[in-house]
mmCIF file of all heavy atoms, coordinates in Angstrom:
data_MODEL
# 
_entry.id   MODEL 
# 
loop_
_atom_site.group_PDB 
_atom_site.id 
_atom_site.type_symbol 
_atom_site.label_atom_id 
_atom_site.label_alt_id 
_atom_site.label_comp_id 
_atom_site.label_asym_id 
_atom_site.label_entity_id 
_atom_site.label_seq_id 
_atom_site.pdbx_PDB_ins_code 
_atom_site.Cartn_x 
_atom_site.Cartn_y 
_atom_site.Cartn_z 
_atom_site.occupancy 
_atom_site.B_iso_or_equiv 
_atom_site.pdbx_formal_charge 
_atom_site.auth_seq_id 
_atom_site.auth_comp_id 
_atom_site.auth_asym_id 
_atom_site.auth_atom_id 
_atom_site.pdbx_PDB_model_num 
ATOM 1   N N   . LEU A 1 1  ? 0.838   -1.186 0.006  1.00 0.00 ? 1  LEU A N   1 
ATOM 2   C CA  . LEU A 1 1  ? -0.009  -0.015 0.007  1.00 0.00 ? 1  LEU A CA  1 
ATOM 3   C C   . LEU A 1 1  ? 0.879   1.251  -0.012 1.00 0.00 ? 1  LEU A C   1 
ATOM 4   O O   . LEU A 1 1  ? 2.003   1.216  0.448  1.00 0.00 ? 1  LEU A O   1 
ATOM 5   C CB  . LEU A 1 1  ? -0.895  0.005  1.240  1.00 0.00 ? 1  LEU A CB  1 
ATOM 6   C CG  . LEU A 1 1  ? -1.827  -1.173 1.432  1.00 0.00 ? 1  LEU A CG  1 
ATOM 7   C CD1 . LEU A 1 1  ? -2.460  -1.154 2.809  1.00 0.00 ? 1  LEU A CD1 1 
ATOM 8   C CD2 . LEU A 1 1  ? -2.886  -1.212 0.352  1.00 0.00 ? 1  LEU A CD2 1 
ATOM 9   N N   . SER A 1 2  ? 0.319   2.325  -0.476 1.00 0.00 ? 2  SER A N   1 
ATOM 10  C CA  . SER A 1 2  ? 1.037   3.601  -0.442 1.00 0.00 ? 2  SER A CA  1 
ATOM 11  C C   . SER A 1 2  ? 0.326   4.506  0.554  1.00 0.00 ? 2  SER A C   1 
ATOM 12  O O   . SER A 1 2  ? -0.833  4.301  0.913  1.00 0.00 ? 2  SER A O   1 
ATOM 13  C CB  . SER A 1 2  ? 1.054   4.261  -1.823 1.00 0.00 ? 2  SER A CB  1 
ATOM 14  O OG  . SER A 1 2  ? -0.262  4.476  -2.277 1.00 0.00 ? 2  SER A OG  1 
ATOM 15  N N   . ALA A 1 3  ? 1.038   5.512  1.041  1.00 0.00 ? 3  ALA A N   1 
ATOM 16  C CA  . ALA A 1 3  ? 0.500   6.418  2.055  1.00 0.00 ? 3  ALA A CA  1 
ATOM 17  C C   . ALA A 1 3  ? 0.888   7.844  1.773  1.00 0.00 ? 3  ALA A C   1 
ATOM 18  O O   . ALA A 1 3  ? 1.904   8.113  1.133  1.00 0.00 ? 3  ALA A O   1 
ATOM 19  C CB  . ALA A 1 3  ? 1.020   5.979  3.443  1.00 0.00 ? 3  ALA A CB  1 
ATOM 20  N N   . LYS A 1 4  ? 0.054   8.775  2.274  1.00 0.00 ? 4  LYS A N   1 
ATOM 21  C CA  . LYS A 1 4  ? 0.365   10.195 2.200  1.00 0.00 ? 4  LYS A CA  1 
ATOM 22  C C   . LYS A 1 4  ? 0.705   10.630 3.609  1.00 0.00 ? 4  LYS A C   1 
ATOM 23  O O   . LYS A 1 4  ? -0.179  10.933 4.405  1.00 0.00 ? 4  LYS A O   1 
ATOM 24  C CB  . LYS A 1 4  ? -0.839  10.964 1.663  1.00 0.00 ? 4  LYS A CB  1 
ATOM 25  C CG  . LYS A 1 4  ? -1.320  10.479 0.294  1.00 0.00 ? 4  LYS A CG  1 
ATOM 26  C CD  . LYS A 1 4  ? -2.688  11.049 -0.056 1.00 0.00 ? 4  LYS A CD  1 
ATOM 27  C CE  . LYS A 1 4  ? -3.262  10.446 -1.300 1.00 0.00 ? 4  LYS A CE  1 
ATOM 28  N NZ  . LYS A 1 4  ? -4.653  10.823 -1.530 1.00 0.00 ? 4  LYS A NZ  1 
ATOM 29  N N   . ARG A 1 5  ? 1.990   10.672 3.892  1.00 0.00 ? 5  ARG A N   1 
ATOM 30  C CA  . ARG A 1 5  ? 2.421   10.974 5.270  1.00 0.00 ? 5  ARG A CA  1 
ATOM 31  C C   . ARG A 1 5  ? 2.583   12.475 5.442  1.00 0.00 ? 5  ARG A C   1 
ATOM 32  O O   . ARG A 1 5  ? 3.106   13.181 4.556  1.00 0.00 ? 5  ARG A O   1 
ATOM 33  C CB  . ARG A 1 5  ? 3.765   10.278 5.572  1.00 0.00 ? 5  ARG A CB  1 
ATOM 34  C CG  . ARG A 1 5  ? 4.244   10.502 6.995  1.00 0.00 ? 5  ARG A CG  1 
ATOM 35  C CD  . ARG A 1 5  ? 5.355   9.546  7.352  1.00 0.00 ? 5  ARG A CD  1 
ATOM 36  N NE  . ARG A 1 5  ? 6.533   9.674  6.462  1.00 0.00 ? 5  ARG A NE  1 
ATOM 37  C CZ  . ARG A 1 5  ? 7.572   8.841  6.470  1.00 0.00 ? 5  ARG A CZ  1 
ATOM 38  N NH1 . ARG A 1 5  ? 7.549   7.791  7.294  1.00 0.00 ? 5  ARG A NH1 1 
ATOM 39  N NH2 . ARG A 1 5  ? 8.576   9.033  5.639  1.00 0.00 ? 5  ARG A NH2 1 
ATOM 40  N N   . LEU A 1 6  ? 2.118   12.972 6.581  1.00 0.00 ? 6  LEU A N   1 
ATOM 41  C CA  . LEU A 1 6  ? 2.237   14.410 6.884  1.00 0.00 ? 6  LEU A CA  1 
ATOM 42  C C   . LEU A 1 6  ? 3.614   14.690 7.415  1.00 0.00 ? 6  LEU A C   1 
ATOM 43  O O   . LEU A 1 6  ? 4.074   14.051 8.397  1.00 0.00 ? 6  LEU A O   1 
ATOM 44  C CB  . LEU A 1 6  ? 1.176   14.841 7.896  1.00 0.00 ? 6  LEU A CB  1 
ATOM 45  C CG  . LEU A 1 6  ? -0.216  15.214 7.331  1.00 0.00 ? 6  LEU A CG  1 
ATOM 46  C CD1 . LEU A 1 6  ? -0.911  13.989 6.776  1.00 0.00 ? 6  LEU A CD1 1 
ATOM 47  C CD2 . LEU A 1 6  ? -1.049  15.884 8.423  1.00 0.00 ? 6  LEU A CD2 1 
ATOM 48  N N   . ARG A 1 7  ? 4.312   15.617 6.780  1.00 0.00 ? 7  ARG A N   1 
ATOM 49  C CA  . ARG A 1 7  ? 5.624   16.043 7.262  1.00 0.00 ? 7  ARG A CA  1 
ATOM 50  C C   . ARG A 1 7  ? 5.468   16.897 8.514  1.00 0.00 ? 7  ARG A C   1 
ATOM 51  O O   . ARG A 1 7  ? 4.469   17.586 8.691  1.00 0.00 ? 7  ARG A O   1 
ATOM 52  C CB  . ARG A 1 7  ? 6.356   16.833 6.198  1.00 0.00 ? 7  ARG A CB  1 
ATOM 53  C CG  . ARG A 1 7  ? 6.725   16.104 4.932  1.00 0.00 ? 7  ARG A CG  1 
ATOM 54  C CD  . ARG A 1 7  ? 7.656   16.976 4.107  1.00 0.00 ? 7  ARG A CD  1 
ATOM 55  N NE  . ARG A 1 7  ? 8.035   16.319 2.841  1.00 0.00 ? 7  ARG A NE  1 
ATOM 56  C CZ  . ARG A 1 7  ? 7.437   16.571 1.689  1.00 0.00 ? 7  ARG A CZ  1 
ATOM 57  N NH1 . ARG A 1 7  ? 6.423   17.464 1.646  1.00 0.00 ? 7  ARG A NH1 1 
ATOM 58  N NH2 . ARG A 1 7  ? 7.821   15.962 0.596  1.00 0.00 ? 7  ARG A NH2 1 
ATOM 59  N N   . ALA A 1 8  ? 6.478   16.861 9.352  1.00 0.00 ? 8  ALA A N   1 
ATOM 60  C CA  . ALA A 1 8  ? 6.473   17.683 10.563 1.00 0.00 ? 8  ALA A CA  1 
ATOM 61  C C   . ALA A 1 8  ? 6.462   19.154 10.197 1.00 0.00 ? 8  ALA A C   1 
ATOM 62  O O   . ALA A 1 8  ? 5.899   20.002 10.915 1.00 0.00 ? 8  ALA A O   1 
ATOM 63  C CB  . ALA A 1 8  ? 7.664   17.346 11.454 1.00 0.00 ? 8  ALA A CB  1 
ATOM 64  N N   . SER A 1 9  ? 7.126   19.482 9.078  1.00 0.00 ? 9  SER A N   1 
ATOM 65  C CA  . SER A 1 9  ? 7.195   20.885 8.630  1.00 0.00 ? 9  SER A CA  1 
ATOM 66  C C   . SER A 1 9  ? 5.979   21.316 7.833  1.00 0.00 ? 9  SER A C   1 
ATOM 67  O O   . SER A 1 9  ? 5.885   22.459 7.378  1.00 0.00 ? 9  SER A O   1 
ATOM 68  C CB  . SER A 1 9  ? 8.455   21.079 7.785  1.00 0.00 ? 9  SER A CB  1 
ATOM 69  O OG  . SER A 1 9  ? 8.435   20.187 6.658  1.00 0.00 ? 9  SER A OG  1 
ATOM 70  N N   . GLY A 1 10 ? 5.039   20.403 7.612  1.00 0.00 ? 10 GLY A N   1 
ATOM 71  C CA  . GLY A 1 10 ? 3.842   20.699 6.820  1.00 0.00 ? 10 GLY A CA  1 
ATOM 72  C C   . GLY A 1 10 ? 3.926   20.040 5.447  1.00 0.00 ? 10 GLY A C   1 
ATOM 73  O O   . GLY A 1 10 ? 5.005   19.745 4.958  1.00 0.00 ? 10 GLY A O   1 
ATOM 74  N N   . GLY A 1 11 ? 2.797   19.844 4.826  1.00 0.00 ? 11 GLY A N   1 
ATOM 75  C CA  . GLY A 1 11 ? 2.756   19.213 3.517  1.00 0.00 ? 11 GLY A CA  1 
ATOM 76  C C   . GLY A 1 11 ? 2.716   17.705 3.593  1.00 0.00 ? 11 GLY A C   1 
ATOM 77  O O   . GLY A 1 11 ? 2.775   17.113 4.676  1.00 0.00 ? 11 GLY A O   1 
ATOM 78  N N   . LEU A 1 12 ? 2.590   17.064 2.435  1.00 0.00 ? 12 LEU A N   1 
ATOM 79  C CA  . LEU A 1 12 ? 2.474   15.620 2.347  1.00 0.00 ? 12 LEU A CA  1 
ATOM 80  C C   . LEU A 1 12 ? 3.641   15.037 1.574  1.00 0.00 ? 12 LEU A C   1 
ATOM 81  O O   . LEU A 1 12 ? 4.202   15.684 0.694  1.00 0.00 ? 12 LEU A O   1 
ATOM 82  C CB  . LEU A 1 12 ? 1.158   15.235 1.630  1.00 0.00 ? 12 LEU A CB  1 
ATOM 83  C CG  . LEU A 1 12 ? -0.136  15.680 2.288  1.00 0.00 ? 12 LEU A CG  1 
ATOM 84  C CD1 . LEU A 1 12 ? -1.310  15.379 1.361  1.00 0.00 ? 12 LEU A CD1 1 
ATOM 85  C CD2 . LEU A 1 12 ? -0.323  15.010 3.635  1.00 0.00 ? 12 LEU A CD2 1 
ATOM 86  N N   . GLU A 1 13 ? 4.025   13.813 1.913  1.00 0.00 ? 13 GLU A N   1 
ATOM 87  C CA  . GLU A 1 13 ? 5.027   13.079 1.153  1.00 0.00 ? 13 GLU A CA  1 
ATOM 88  C C   . GLU A 1 13 ? 4.504   11.657 0.903  1.00 0.00 ? 13 GLU A C   1 
ATOM 89  O O   . GLU A 1 13 ? 4.072   10.989 1.807  1.00 0.00 ? 13 GLU A O   1 
ATOM 90  C CB  . GLU A 1 13 ? 6.351   13.043 1.896  1.00 0.00 ? 13 GLU A CB  1 
ATOM 91  C CG  . GLU A 1 13 ? 6.303   12.371 3.254  1.00 0.00 ? 13 GLU A CG  1 
ATOM 92  C CD  . GLU A 1 13 ? 7.686   12.255 3.909  1.00 0.00 ? 13 GLU A CD  1 
ATOM 93  O OE1 . GLU A 1 13 ? 8.665   12.200 3.120  1.00 0.00 ? 13 GLU A OE1 1 
ATOM 94  O OE2 . GLU A 1 13 ? 7.755   12.210 5.133  1.00 0.00 ? 13 GLU A OE2 1 
ATOM 95  N N   . PRO A 1 14 ? 4.547   11.242 -0.385 1.00 0.00 ? 14 PRO A N   1 
ATOM 96  C CA  . PRO A 1 14 ? 4.126   9.867  -0.688 1.00 0.00 ? 14 PRO A CA  1 
ATOM 97  C C   . PRO A 1 14 ? 5.183   8.852  -0.258 1.00 0.00 ? 14 PRO A C   1 
ATOM 98  O O   . PRO A 1 14 ? 6.376   9.007  -0.590 1.00 0.00 ? 14 PRO A O   1 
ATOM 99  C CB  . PRO A 1 14 ? 3.943   9.882  -2.200 1.00 0.00 ? 14 PRO A CB  1 
ATOM 100 C CG  . PRO A 1 14 ? 4.841   10.974 -2.683 1.00 0.00 ? 14 PRO A CG  1 
ATOM 101 C CD  . PRO A 1 14 ? 4.921   11.997 -1.588 1.00 0.00 ? 14 PRO A CD  1 
ATOM 102 N N   . VAL A 1 15 ? 4.782   7.818  0.493  1.00 0.00 ? 15 VAL A N   1 
ATOM 103 C CA  . VAL A 1 15 ? 5.705   6.783  0.950  1.00 0.00 ? 15 VAL A CA  1 
ATOM 104 C C   . VAL A 1 15 ? 5.009   5.452  0.859  1.00 0.00 ? 15 VAL A C   1 
ATOM 105 O O   . VAL A 1 15 ? 3.780   5.366  0.914  1.00 0.00 ? 15 VAL A O   1 
ATOM 106 C CB  . VAL A 1 15 ? 6.186   7.018  2.390  1.00 0.00 ? 15 VAL A CB  1 
ATOM 107 C CG1 . VAL A 1 15 ? 6.971   8.311  2.541  1.00 0.00 ? 15 VAL A CG1 1 
ATOM 108 C CG2 . VAL A 1 15 ? 4.982   7.038  3.362  1.00 0.00 ? 15 VAL A CG2 1 
ATOM 109 N N   . PRO A 1 16 ? 5.776   4.351  0.720  1.00 0.00 ? 16 PRO A N   1 
ATOM 110 C CA  . PRO A 1 16 ? 5.164   3.028  0.823  1.00 0.00 ? 16 PRO A CA  1 
ATOM 111 C C   . PRO A 1 16 ? 4.693   2.763  2.257  1.00 0.00 ? 16 PRO A C   1 
ATOM 112 O O   . PRO A 1 16 ? 5.291   3.278  3.219  1.00 0.00 ? 16 PRO A O   1 
ATOM 113 C CB  . PRO A 1 16 ? 6.295   2.065  0.428  1.00 0.00 ? 16 PRO A CB  1 
ATOM 114 C CG  . PRO A 1 16 ? 7.548   2.828  0.668  1.00 0.00 ? 16 PRO A CG  1 
ATOM 115 C CD  . PRO A 1 16 ? 7.214   4.257  0.435  1.00 0.00 ? 16 PRO A CD  1 
ATOM 116 N N   . ALA A 1 17 ? 3.635   1.979  2.389  1.00 0.00 ? 17 ALA A N   1 
ATOM 117 C CA  . ALA A 1 17 ? 3.103   1.718  3.731  1.00 0.00 ? 17 ALA A CA  1 
ATOM 118 C C   . ALA A 1 17 ? 4.151   1.046  4.623  1.00 0.00 ? 17 ALA A C   1 
ATOM 119 O O   . ALA A 1 17 ? 4.128   1.253  5.855  1.00 0.00 ? 17 ALA A O   1 
ATOM 120 C CB  . ALA A 1 17 ? 1.867   0.821  3.611  1.00 0.00 ? 17 ALA A CB  1 
ATOM 121 N N   . SER A 1 18 ? 5.051   0.269  4.050  1.00 0.00 ? 18 SER A N   1 
ATOM 122 C CA  . SER A 1 18 ? 6.076   -0.423 4.835  1.00 0.00 ? 18 SER A CA  1 
ATOM 123 C C   . SER A 1 18 ? 7.043   0.559  5.495  1.00 0.00 ? 18 SER A C   1 
ATOM 124 O O   . SER A 1 18 ? 7.770   0.193  6.412  1.00 0.00 ? 18 SER A O   1 
ATOM 125 C CB  . SER A 1 18 ? 6.859   -1.395 3.954  1.00 0.00 ? 18 SER A CB  1 
ATOM 126 O OG  . SER A 1 18 ? 7.421   -0.716 2.856  1.00 0.00 ? 18 SER A OG  1 
ATOM 127 N N   . ALA A 1 19 ? 7.045   1.834  5.023  1.00 0.00 ? 19 ALA A N   1 
ATOM 128 C CA  . ALA A 1 19 ? 7.942   2.839  5.596  1.00 0.00 ? 19 ALA A CA  1 
ATOM 129 C C   . ALA A 1 19 ? 7.321   3.551  6.785  1.00 0.00 ? 19 ALA A C   1 
ATOM 130 O O   . ALA A 1 19 ? 7.992   4.327  7.472  1.00 0.00 ? 19 ALA A O   1 
ATOM 131 C CB  . ALA A 1 19 ? 8.332   3.852  4.522  1.00 0.00 ? 19 ALA A CB  1 
ATOM 132 N N   . LEU A 1 20 ? 6.033   3.328  7.032  1.00 0.00 ? 20 LEU A N   1 
ATOM 133 C CA  . LEU A 1 20 ? 5.371   4.002  8.142  1.00 0.00 ? 20 LEU A CA  1 
ATOM 134 C C   . LEU A 1 20 ? 5.816   3.441  9.479  1.00 0.00 ? 20 LEU A C   1 
ATOM 135 O O   . LEU A 1 20 ? 6.067   2.231  9.600  1.00 0.00 ? 20 LEU A O   1 
ATOM 136 C CB  . LEU A 1 20 ? 3.856   3.846  8.018  1.00 0.00 ? 20 LEU A CB  1 
ATOM 137 C CG  . LEU A 1 20 ? 3.195   4.518  6.802  1.00 0.00 ? 20 LEU A CG  1 
ATOM 138 C CD1 . LEU A 1 20 ? 1.707   4.196  6.755  1.00 0.00 ? 20 LEU A CD1 1 
ATOM 139 C CD2 . LEU A 1 20 ? 3.415   6.047  6.851  1.00 0.00 ? 20 LEU A CD2 1 
ATOM 140 N N   . ARG A 1 21 ? 5.912   4.306  10.462 1.00 0.00 ? 21 ARG A N   1 
ATOM 141 C CA  . ARG A 1 21 ? 6.334   3.912  11.797 1.00 0.00 ? 21 ARG A CA  1 
ATOM 142 C C   . ARG A 1 21 ? 5.325   4.388  12.826 1.00 0.00 ? 21 ARG A C   1 
ATOM 143 O O   . ARG A 1 21 ? 4.492   5.273  12.549 1.00 0.00 ? 21 ARG A O   1 
ATOM 144 C CB  . ARG A 1 21 ? 7.705   4.509  12.127 1.00 0.00 ? 21 ARG A CB  1 
ATOM 145 C CG  . ARG A 1 21 ? 8.852   3.982  11.262 1.00 0.00 ? 21 ARG A CG  1 
ATOM 146 C CD  . ARG A 1 21 ? 9.087   2.498  11.538 1.00 0.00 ? 21 ARG A CD  1 
ATOM 147 N NE  . ARG A 1 21 ? 10.199  1.936  10.773 1.00 0.00 ? 21 ARG A NE  1 
ATOM 148 C CZ  . ARG A 1 21 ? 10.068  1.390  9.580  1.00 0.00 ? 21 ARG A CZ  1 
ATOM 149 N NH1 . ARG A 1 21 ? 8.859   1.307  9.009  1.00 0.00 ? 21 ARG A NH1 1 
ATOM 150 N NH2 . ARG A 1 21 ? 11.114  0.899  8.932  1.00 0.00 ? 21 ARG A NH2 1 
ATOM 151 N N   . LEU A 1 22 ? 5.396   3.795  13.983 1.00 0.00 ? 22 LEU A N   1 
ATOM 152 C CA  . LEU A 1 22 ? 4.496   4.172  15.092 1.00 0.00 ? 22 LEU A CA  1 
ATOM 153 C C   . LEU A 1 22 ? 4.518   5.681  15.310 1.00 0.00 ? 22 LEU A C   1 
ATOM 154 O O   . LEU A 1 22 ? 5.595   6.264  15.434 1.00 0.00 ? 22 LEU A O   1 
ATOM 155 C CB  . LEU A 1 22 ? 4.955   3.449  16.366 1.00 0.00 ? 22 LEU A CB  1 
ATOM 156 C CG  . LEU A 1 22 ? 4.108   3.652  17.625 1.00 0.00 ? 22 LEU A CG  1 
ATOM 157 C CD1 . LEU A 1 22 ? 2.745   2.994  17.461 1.00 0.00 ? 22 LEU A CD1 1 
ATOM 158 C CD2 . LEU A 1 22 ? 4.823   3.055  18.842 1.00 0.00 ? 22 LEU A CD2 1 
ATOM 159 N N   . GLY A 1 23 ? 3.343   6.288  15.329 1.00 0.00 ? 23 GLY A N   1 
ATOM 160 C CA  . GLY A 1 23 ? 3.258   7.733  15.590 1.00 0.00 ? 23 GLY A CA  1 
ATOM 161 C C   . GLY A 1 23 ? 3.148   8.591  14.334 1.00 0.00 ? 23 GLY A C   1 
ATOM 162 O O   . GLY A 1 23 ? 2.779   9.770  14.433 1.00 0.00 ? 23 GLY A O   1 
ATOM 163 N N   . ASP A 1 24 ? 3.448   8.018  13.160 1.00 0.00 ? 24 ASP A N   1 
ATOM 164 C CA  . ASP A 1 24 ? 3.292   8.795  11.912 1.00 0.00 ? 24 ASP A CA  1 
ATOM 165 C C   . ASP A 1 24 ? 1.807   9.141  11.724 1.00 0.00 ? 24 ASP A C   1 
ATOM 166 O O   . ASP A 1 24 ? 0.915   8.400  12.138 1.00 0.00 ? 24 ASP A O   1 
ATOM 167 C CB  . ASP A 1 24 ? 3.782   7.985  10.702 1.00 0.00 ? 24 ASP A CB  1 
ATOM 168 C CG  . ASP A 1 24 ? 5.297   7.907  10.635 1.00 0.00 ? 24 ASP A CG  1 
ATOM 169 O OD1 . ASP A 1 24 ? 5.952   8.657  11.383 1.00 0.00 ? 24 ASP A OD1 1 
ATOM 170 O OD2 . ASP A 1 24 ? 5.814   7.117  9.826  1.00 0.00 ? 24 ASP A OD2 1 
ATOM 171 N N   . VAL A 1 25 ? 1.572   10.262 11.035 1.00 0.00 ? 25 VAL A N   1 
ATOM 172 C CA  . VAL A 1 25 ? 0.200   10.675 10.715 1.00 0.00 ? 25 VAL A CA  1 
ATOM 173 C C   . VAL A 1 25 ? 0.067   10.689 9.210  1.00 0.00 ? 25 VAL A C   1 
ATOM 174 O O   . VAL A 1 25 ? 0.908   11.254 8.483  1.00 0.00 ? 25 VAL A O   1 
ATOM 175 C CB  . VAL A 1 25 ? -0.114  12.076 11.299 1.00 0.00 ? 25 VAL A CB  1 
ATOM 176 C CG1 . VAL A 1 25 ? -1.524  12.518 10.894 1.00 0.00 ? 25 VAL A CG1 1 
ATOM 177 C CG2 . VAL A 1 25 ? -0.007  12.062 12.814 1.00 0.00 ? 25 VAL A CG2 1 
ATOM 178 N N   . VAL A 1 26 ? -1.012  10.077 8.718  1.00 0.00 ? 26 VAL A N   1 
ATOM 179 C CA  . VAL A 1 26 ? -1.251  10.009 7.275  1.00 0.00 ? 26 VAL A CA  1 
ATOM 180 C C   . VAL A 1 26 ? -2.627  10.577 6.940  1.00 0.00 ? 26 VAL A C   1 
ATOM 181 O O   . VAL A 1 26 ? -3.543  10.558 7.780  1.00 0.00 ? 26 VAL A O   1 
ATOM 182 C CB  . VAL A 1 26 ? -1.149  8.540  6.754  1.00 0.00 ? 26 VAL A CB  1 
ATOM 183 C CG1 . VAL A 1 26 ? 0.228   7.995  6.955  1.00 0.00 ? 26 VAL A CG1 1 
ATOM 184 C CG2 . VAL A 1 26 ? -2.195  7.656  7.429  1.00 0.00 ? 26 VAL A CG2 1 
ATOM 185 N N   . LEU A 1 27 ? -2.729  11.088 5.722  1.00 0.00 ? 27 LEU A N   1 
ATOM 186 C CA  . LEU A 1 27 ? -4.013  11.585 5.215  1.00 0.00 ? 27 LEU A CA  1 
ATOM 187 C C   . LEU A 1 27 ? -4.602  10.534 4.305  1.00 0.00 ? 27 LEU A C   1 
ATOM 188 O O   . LEU A 1 27 ? -3.917  10.010 3.404  1.00 0.00 ? 27 LEU A O   1 
ATOM 189 C CB  . LEU A 1 27 ? -3.802  12.889 4.426  1.00 0.00 ? 27 LEU A CB  1 
ATOM 190 C CG  . LEU A 1 27 ? -5.058  13.469 3.783  1.00 0.00 ? 27 LEU A CG  1 
ATOM 191 C CD1 . LEU A 1 27 ? -6.019  13.985 4.846  1.00 0.00 ? 27 LEU A CD1 1 
ATOM 192 C CD2 . LEU A 1 27 ? -4.678  14.592 2.811  1.00 0.00 ? 27 LEU A CD2 1 
ATOM 193 N N   . VAL A 1 28 ? -5.864  10.154 4.557  1.00 0.00 ? 28 VAL A N   1 
ATOM 194 C CA  . VAL A 1 28 ? -6.536  9.178  3.717  1.00 0.00 ? 28 VAL A CA  1 
ATOM 195 C C   . VAL A 1 28 ? -7.807  9.824  3.149  1.00 0.00 ? 28 VAL A C   1 
ATOM 196 O O   . VAL A 1 28 ? -8.657  10.302 3.915  1.00 0.00 ? 28 VAL A O   1 
ATOM 197 C CB  . VAL A 1 28 ? -6.930  7.913  4.537  1.00 0.00 ? 28 VAL A CB  1 
ATOM 198 C CG1 . VAL A 1 28 ? -7.391  6.808  3.592  1.00 0.00 ? 28 VAL A CG1 1 
ATOM 199 C CG2 . VAL A 1 28 ? -5.747  7.430  5.364  1.00 0.00 ? 28 VAL A CG2 1 
ATOM 200 N N   . GLU A 1 29 ? -7.887  9.842  1.814  1.00 0.00 ? 29 GLU A N   1 
ATOM 201 C CA  . GLU A 1 29 ? -8.974  10.539 1.148  1.00 0.00 ? 29 GLU A CA  1 
ATOM 202 C C   . GLU A 1 29 ? -9.926  9.529  0.484  1.00 0.00 ? 29 GLU A C   1 
ATOM 203 O O   . GLU A 1 29 ? -9.647  8.318  0.466  1.00 0.00 ? 29 GLU A O   1 
ATOM 204 C CB  . GLU A 1 29 ? -8.430  11.515 0.111  1.00 0.00 ? 29 GLU A CB  1 
ATOM 205 C CG  . GLU A 1 29 ? -7.534  12.578 0.736  1.00 0.00 ? 29 GLU A CG  1 
ATOM 206 C CD  . GLU A 1 29 ? -6.910  13.499 -0.287 1.00 0.00 ? 29 GLU A CD  1 
ATOM 207 O OE1 . GLU A 1 29 ? -6.026  13.023 -1.050 1.00 0.00 ? 29 GLU A OE1 1 
ATOM 208 O OE2 . GLU A 1 29 ? -7.286  14.671 -0.320 1.00 0.00 ? 29 GLU A OE2 1 
ATOM 209 N N   . THR A 1 30 ? -11.009 10.048 -0.071 1.00 0.00 ? 30 THR A N   1 
ATOM 210 C CA  . THR A 1 30 ? -12.010 9.211  -0.724 1.00 0.00 ? 30 THR A CA  1 
ATOM 211 C C   . THR A 1 30 ? -11.341 8.301  -1.751 1.00 0.00 ? 30 THR A C   1 
ATOM 212 O O   . THR A 1 30 ? -10.577 8.757  -2.611 1.00 0.00 ? 30 THR A O   1 
ATOM 213 C CB  . THR A 1 30 ? -13.053 10.086 -1.413 1.00 0.00 ? 30 THR A CB  1 
ATOM 214 O OG1 . THR A 1 30 ? -13.689 10.920 -0.422 1.00 0.00 ? 30 THR A OG1 1 
ATOM 215 C CG2 . THR A 1 30 ? -14.103 9.223  -2.098 1.00 0.00 ? 30 THR A CG2 1 
# 
């Protein structure tokens, strides 16, 4: 799966789901 991770500085970065770690915040749209 892919994810839209929120950067700490603002904005979104596309990353693979396997790169997500505990505490990350992602945006999920329709």
